[in-house]
Amino acid sequence: MIFSFKKLLLSVIILIIFSCNKENKLDDNSCDIFYLGADLSYVNEMEDCGAIYKNSENVETDVFEIFENAGANLIRVRLWHNPTWTNYSNLSDVKKLFRGLRIII
């Protein structure tokens, strides 16, 4: 686990060093896109346990809408191949999650 953490830390440092700035732009549009995302793999499981999601005004809101309004443009969803230990993160669960997602292109 420590070895994996070191790899992650090194990756983040490299990303920061080579991130877009005025000195290393390739062209005028190379740094215009910033990706902001979250892992939403647990959404279905949490909702099945009774979790509700509220926006910054404490109003119950769709979880995808909360992230979209916060500027998120990328999500991660875990997909296990034939999990026997859980009813979540299998193909049917991921399909259910994506049915709730509005894709904006």
N, C-alpha and C. Protein backbone atom coordinates (compact mmCIF):
# COMPACT_ATOMS: atom_id res chain seq x y z
N MET A 1 0.82 -1.19 0.00
CA MET A 1 0.00 0.00 0.00
C MET A 1 0.86 1.25 0.00
N ILE A 2 1.96 1.25 0.75
CA ILE A 2 2.84 2.41 0.78
C ILE A 2 3.45 2.64 -0.60
N PHE A 3 3.80 1.55 -1.27
CA PHE A 3 4.37 1.68 -2.61
C PHE A 3 3.36 2.34 -3.56
N SER A 4 2.10 1.96 -3.48
CA SER A 4 1.08 2.56 -4.31
C SER A 4 0.89 4.03 -3.98
N PHE A 5 0.95 4.37 -2.69
CA PHE A 5 0.82 5.75 -2.28
C PHE A 5 1.97 6.58 -2.84
N LYS A 6 3.17 6.03 -2.83
CA LYS A 6 4.33 6.75 -3.38
C LYS A 6 4.15 7.00 -4.87
N LYS A 7 3.63 6.00 -5.58
CA LYS A 7 3.37 6.17 -7.02
C LYS A 7 2.33 7.26 -7.26
N LEU A 8 1.27 7.25 -6.45
CA LEU A 8 0.22 8.26 -6.58
C LEU A 8 0.78 9.65 -6.31
N LEU A 9 1.55 9.79 -5.25
CA LEU A 9 2.14 11.08 -4.90
C LEU A 9 3.07 11.56 -6.00
N LEU A 10 3.88 10.69 -6.54
CA LEU A 10 4.77 11.05 -7.64
C LEU A 10 3.98 11.48 -8.87
N SER A 11 2.89 10.79 -9.17
CA SER A 11 2.04 11.16 -10.31
C SER A 11 1.45 12.55 -10.13
N VAL A 12 0.99 12.85 -8.92
CA VAL A 12 0.42 14.16 -8.65
C VAL A 12 1.48 15.25 -8.80
N ILE A 13 2.67 14.99 -8.29
CA ILE A 13 3.75 15.97 -8.40
C ILE A 13 4.10 16.22 -9.86
N ILE A 14 4.18 15.16 -10.65
CA ILE A 14 4.48 15.31 -12.08
C ILE A 14 3.38 16.09 -12.78
N LEU A 15 2.14 15.78 -12.44
CA LEU A 15 1.00 16.49 -13.02
C LEU A 15 1.07 17.99 -12.72
N ILE A 16 1.42 18.31 -11.48
CA ILE A 16 1.52 19.72 -11.09
C ILE A 16 2.66 20.40 -11.85
N ILE A 17 3.78 19.74 -11.95
CA ILE A 17 4.94 20.33 -12.63
C ILE A 17 4.64 20.60 -14.11
N PHE A 18 3.98 19.66 -14.76
CA PHE A 18 3.73 19.79 -16.19
C PHE A 18 2.33 20.30 -16.52
N SER A 19 1.64 20.83 -15.51
CA SER A 19 0.31 21.37 -15.78
C SER A 19 0.41 22.62 -16.63
N CYS A 20 -0.70 23.01 -17.19
CA CYS A 20 -0.72 24.13 -18.12
C CYS A 20 -0.39 25.44 -17.43
N ASN A 21 0.49 26.16 -18.04
CA ASN A 21 0.79 27.53 -17.63
C ASN A 21 1.28 28.28 -18.86
N LYS A 22 1.52 29.54 -18.75
CA LYS A 22 1.88 30.35 -19.91
C LYS A 22 3.20 29.91 -20.54
N GLU A 23 4.11 29.38 -19.74
CA GLU A 23 5.42 29.02 -20.26
C GLU A 23 5.40 27.76 -21.13
N ASN A 24 4.49 26.81 -20.87
CA ASN A 24 4.55 25.56 -21.62
C ASN A 24 3.33 25.31 -22.49
N LYS A 25 2.60 26.33 -22.85
CA LYS A 25 1.45 26.15 -23.75
C LYS A 25 1.92 25.74 -25.14
N LEU A 26 1.23 24.78 -25.71
CA LEU A 26 1.54 24.36 -27.06
C LEU A 26 0.86 25.25 -28.08
N ASP A 27 -0.36 25.65 -27.76
CA ASP A 27 -1.10 26.58 -28.61
C ASP A 27 -2.11 27.30 -27.73
N ASP A 28 -2.90 28.18 -28.31
CA ASP A 28 -3.83 28.99 -27.52
C ASP A 28 -4.92 28.17 -26.83
N ASN A 29 -5.25 26.97 -27.33
CA ASN A 29 -6.34 26.19 -26.77
C ASN A 29 -5.88 25.00 -25.95
N SER A 30 -4.57 24.81 -25.78
CA SER A 30 -4.08 23.60 -25.14
C SER A 30 -4.43 23.50 -23.66
N CYS A 31 -4.69 24.60 -22.99
CA CYS A 31 -4.96 24.56 -21.55
C CYS A 31 -6.33 25.09 -21.19
N ASP A 32 -7.23 25.16 -22.14
CA ASP A 32 -8.55 25.71 -21.88
C ASP A 32 -9.46 24.75 -21.13
N ILE A 33 -9.18 23.45 -21.19
CA ILE A 33 -10.06 22.47 -20.56
C ILE A 33 -9.46 22.04 -19.23
N PHE A 34 -10.26 22.15 -18.19
CA PHE A 34 -9.86 21.68 -16.86
C PHE A 34 -10.86 20.61 -16.46
N TYR A 35 -10.38 19.45 -16.08
CA TYR A 35 -11.26 18.35 -15.71
C TYR A 35 -11.45 18.33 -14.19
N LEU A 36 -12.71 18.34 -13.79
CA LEU A 36 -13.07 18.27 -12.38
C LEU A 36 -14.03 17.10 -12.23
N GLY A 37 -13.67 16.12 -11.43
CA GLY A 37 -14.51 14.94 -11.37
C GLY A 37 -14.60 14.33 -10.00
N ALA A 38 -15.36 13.25 -9.92
CA ALA A 38 -15.57 12.54 -8.67
C ALA A 38 -15.89 11.08 -8.97
N ASP A 39 -15.65 10.23 -7.98
CA ASP A 39 -16.01 8.82 -8.07
C ASP A 39 -17.44 8.69 -7.53
N LEU A 40 -18.36 8.32 -8.40
CA LEU A 40 -19.77 8.19 -8.00
C LEU A 40 -20.21 6.72 -7.97
N SER A 41 -19.28 5.82 -7.74
CA SER A 41 -19.57 4.39 -7.73
C SER A 41 -20.56 3.99 -6.64
N TYR A 42 -20.61 4.72 -5.55
CA TYR A 42 -21.45 4.33 -4.42
C TYR A 42 -22.83 4.97 -4.43
N VAL A 43 -23.19 5.73 -5.44
CA VAL A 43 -24.46 6.45 -5.44
C VAL A 43 -25.65 5.51 -5.24
N ASN A 44 -25.76 4.46 -6.04
CA ASN A 44 -26.90 3.54 -5.92
C ASN A 44 -26.95 2.87 -4.55
N GLU A 45 -25.81 2.43 -4.08
CA GLU A 45 -25.77 1.75 -2.78
C GLU A 45 -26.17 2.71 -1.67
N MET A 46 -25.69 3.92 -1.70
CA MET A 46 -26.04 4.90 -0.67
C MET A 46 -27.53 5.25 -0.72
N GLU A 47 -28.08 5.41 -1.94
CA GLU A 47 -29.51 5.70 -2.05
C GLU A 47 -30.34 4.53 -1.54
N ASP A 48 -29.91 3.30 -1.80
CA ASP A 48 -30.62 2.13 -1.28
C ASP A 48 -30.58 2.07 0.25
N CYS A 49 -29.57 2.68 0.85
CA CYS A 49 -29.45 2.73 2.31
C CYS A 49 -30.18 3.95 2.89
N GLY A 50 -30.83 4.73 2.02
CA GLY A 50 -31.60 5.87 2.50
C GLY A 50 -30.90 7.21 2.43
N ALA A 51 -29.71 7.26 1.85
CA ALA A 51 -28.98 8.53 1.76
C ALA A 51 -29.72 9.48 0.83
N ILE A 52 -29.68 10.74 1.17
CA ILE A 52 -30.21 11.78 0.30
C ILE A 52 -29.10 12.80 0.09
N TYR A 53 -29.15 13.47 -1.03
CA TYR A 53 -28.11 14.43 -1.38
C TYR A 53 -28.72 15.82 -1.37
N LYS A 54 -28.00 16.76 -0.75
CA LYS A 54 -28.49 18.13 -0.65
C LYS A 54 -27.47 19.08 -1.26
N ASN A 55 -27.98 20.14 -1.88
CA ASN A 55 -27.09 21.14 -2.46
C ASN A 55 -26.61 22.10 -1.36
N SER A 56 -25.88 23.13 -1.76
CA SER A 56 -25.31 24.07 -0.78
C SER A 56 -26.38 24.87 -0.04
N GLU A 57 -27.61 24.91 -0.58
CA GLU A 57 -28.71 25.59 0.12
C GLU A 57 -29.51 24.63 0.99
N ASN A 58 -28.98 23.41 1.18
CA ASN A 58 -29.60 22.37 2.00
C ASN A 58 -30.92 21.87 1.42
N VAL A 59 -31.04 21.92 0.09
CA VAL A 59 -32.24 21.44 -0.61
C VAL A 59 -31.90 20.08 -1.23
N GLU A 60 -32.78 19.10 -1.01
CA GLU A 60 -32.57 17.77 -1.59
C GLU A 60 -32.50 17.89 -3.11
N THR A 61 -31.41 17.38 -3.69
CA THR A 61 -31.12 17.54 -5.12
C THR A 61 -30.51 16.27 -5.67
N ASP A 62 -30.71 16.01 -6.94
CA ASP A 62 -30.09 14.88 -7.62
C ASP A 62 -28.58 15.00 -7.52
N VAL A 63 -27.92 13.91 -7.18
CA VAL A 63 -26.47 13.94 -6.98
C VAL A 63 -25.72 14.39 -8.23
N PHE A 64 -26.19 14.00 -9.41
CA PHE A 64 -25.52 14.41 -10.64
C PHE A 64 -25.66 15.91 -10.86
N GLU A 65 -26.80 16.44 -10.50
CA GLU A 65 -27.02 17.89 -10.63
C GLU A 65 -26.11 18.67 -9.69
N ILE A 66 -25.90 18.13 -8.50
CA ILE A 66 -25.00 18.80 -7.55
C ILE A 66 -23.60 18.91 -8.13
N PHE A 67 -23.10 17.81 -8.66
CA PHE A 67 -21.75 17.84 -9.22
C PHE A 67 -21.68 18.68 -10.49
N GLU A 68 -22.70 18.61 -11.32
CA GLU A 68 -22.73 19.42 -12.54
C GLU A 68 -22.71 20.91 -12.18
N ASN A 69 -23.52 21.31 -11.22
CA ASN A 69 -23.57 22.71 -10.80
C ASN A 69 -22.26 23.17 -10.17
N ALA A 70 -21.51 22.23 -9.62
CA ALA A 70 -20.21 22.56 -9.02
C ALA A 70 -19.11 22.61 -10.07
N GLY A 71 -19.44 22.29 -11.33
CA GLY A 71 -18.46 22.37 -12.41
C GLY A 71 -17.84 21.04 -12.80
N ALA A 72 -18.32 19.94 -12.23
CA ALA A 72 -17.76 18.64 -12.58
C ALA A 72 -18.07 18.30 -14.03
N ASN A 73 -17.09 17.77 -14.73
CA ASN A 73 -17.27 17.37 -16.12
C ASN A 73 -16.69 15.98 -16.38
N LEU A 74 -16.45 15.23 -15.30
CA LEU A 74 -15.88 13.90 -15.42
C LEU A 74 -16.31 13.09 -14.20
N ILE A 75 -16.73 11.85 -14.41
CA ILE A 75 -17.02 10.98 -13.27
C ILE A 75 -16.31 9.65 -13.47
N ARG A 76 -16.07 8.97 -12.37
CA ARG A 76 -15.52 7.62 -12.39
C ARG A 76 -16.60 6.72 -11.81
N VAL A 77 -16.79 5.59 -12.44
CA VAL A 77 -17.73 4.59 -11.94
C VAL A 77 -17.03 3.24 -11.97
N ARG A 78 -16.99 2.59 -10.84
CA ARG A 78 -16.33 1.29 -10.72
C ARG A 78 -17.23 0.21 -11.32
N LEU A 79 -16.64 -0.70 -12.06
CA LEU A 79 -17.37 -1.83 -12.64
C LEU A 79 -16.57 -3.10 -12.37
N TRP A 80 -17.11 -3.95 -11.48
CA TRP A 80 -16.48 -5.23 -11.19
C TRP A 80 -16.95 -6.28 -12.19
N HIS A 81 -16.07 -7.21 -12.52
CA HIS A 81 -16.42 -8.32 -13.40
C HIS A 81 -16.92 -9.48 -12.54
N ASN A 82 -18.23 -9.74 -12.62
CA ASN A 82 -18.87 -10.83 -11.88
C ASN A 82 -18.56 -10.82 -10.37
N PRO A 83 -18.89 -9.74 -9.67
CA PRO A 83 -18.62 -9.73 -8.23
C PRO A 83 -19.56 -10.69 -7.50
N THR A 84 -19.02 -11.46 -6.59
CA THR A 84 -19.83 -12.40 -5.81
C THR A 84 -20.05 -11.89 -4.39
N TRP A 85 -19.34 -10.85 -3.99
CA TRP A 85 -19.41 -10.34 -2.63
C TRP A 85 -20.36 -9.14 -2.48
N THR A 86 -20.91 -8.65 -3.59
CA THR A 86 -21.76 -7.47 -3.52
C THR A 86 -22.77 -7.48 -4.66
N ASN A 87 -23.86 -6.76 -4.46
CA ASN A 87 -24.84 -6.59 -5.53
C ASN A 87 -24.64 -5.26 -6.25
N TYR A 88 -23.57 -4.58 -5.92
CA TYR A 88 -23.30 -3.27 -6.50
C TYR A 88 -22.04 -3.31 -7.35
N SER A 89 -21.91 -2.32 -8.21
CA SER A 89 -20.77 -2.16 -9.11
C SER A 89 -20.66 -3.30 -10.12
N ASN A 90 -21.77 -4.00 -10.36
CA ASN A 90 -21.82 -4.97 -11.44
C ASN A 90 -22.43 -4.26 -12.66
N LEU A 91 -22.56 -4.95 -13.76
CA LEU A 91 -23.03 -4.30 -14.99
C LEU A 91 -24.43 -3.71 -14.83
N SER A 92 -25.34 -4.44 -14.20
CA SER A 92 -26.70 -3.90 -14.06
C SER A 92 -26.73 -2.68 -13.15
N ASP A 93 -25.91 -2.66 -12.12
CA ASP A 93 -25.85 -1.51 -11.22
C ASP A 93 -25.28 -0.28 -11.94
N VAL A 94 -24.25 -0.48 -12.75
CA VAL A 94 -23.65 0.63 -13.49
C VAL A 94 -24.65 1.17 -14.52
N LYS A 95 -25.39 0.27 -15.18
CA LYS A 95 -26.42 0.73 -16.12
C LYS A 95 -27.48 1.56 -15.40
N LYS A 96 -27.87 1.14 -14.22
CA LYS A 96 -28.85 1.89 -13.43
C LYS A 96 -28.31 3.28 -13.09
N LEU A 97 -27.04 3.34 -12.73
CA LEU A 97 -26.42 4.63 -12.41
C LEU A 97 -26.42 5.56 -13.62
N PHE A 98 -26.06 5.03 -14.77
CA PHE A 98 -25.98 5.86 -15.97
C PHE A 98 -27.35 6.30 -16.49
N ARG A 99 -28.40 5.56 -16.14
CA ARG A 99 -29.75 6.00 -16.51
C ARG A 99 -30.10 7.32 -15.82
N GLY A 100 -29.53 7.55 -14.65
CA GLY A 100 -29.79 8.78 -13.92
C GLY A 100 -28.91 9.94 -14.36
N LEU A 101 -27.95 9.65 -15.20
CA LEU A 101 -26.97 10.66 -15.61
C LEU A 101 -27.41 11.33 -16.90
N ARG A 102 -27.38 12.65 -16.90
CA ARG A 102 -27.61 13.39 -18.13
C ARG A 102 -26.26 13.67 -18.77
N ILE A 103 -26.05 13.22 -19.97
CA ILE A 103 -24.79 13.45 -20.65
C ILE A 103 -24.91 14.72 -21.48
N ILE A 104 -24.04 15.65 -21.19
CA ILE A 104 -24.03 16.92 -21.91
C ILE A 104 -22.77 16.98 -22.74
N ILE A 105 -22.93 17.09 -24.04
CA ILE A 105 -21.76 17.13 -24.94
C ILE A 105 -21.65 18.51 -25.52
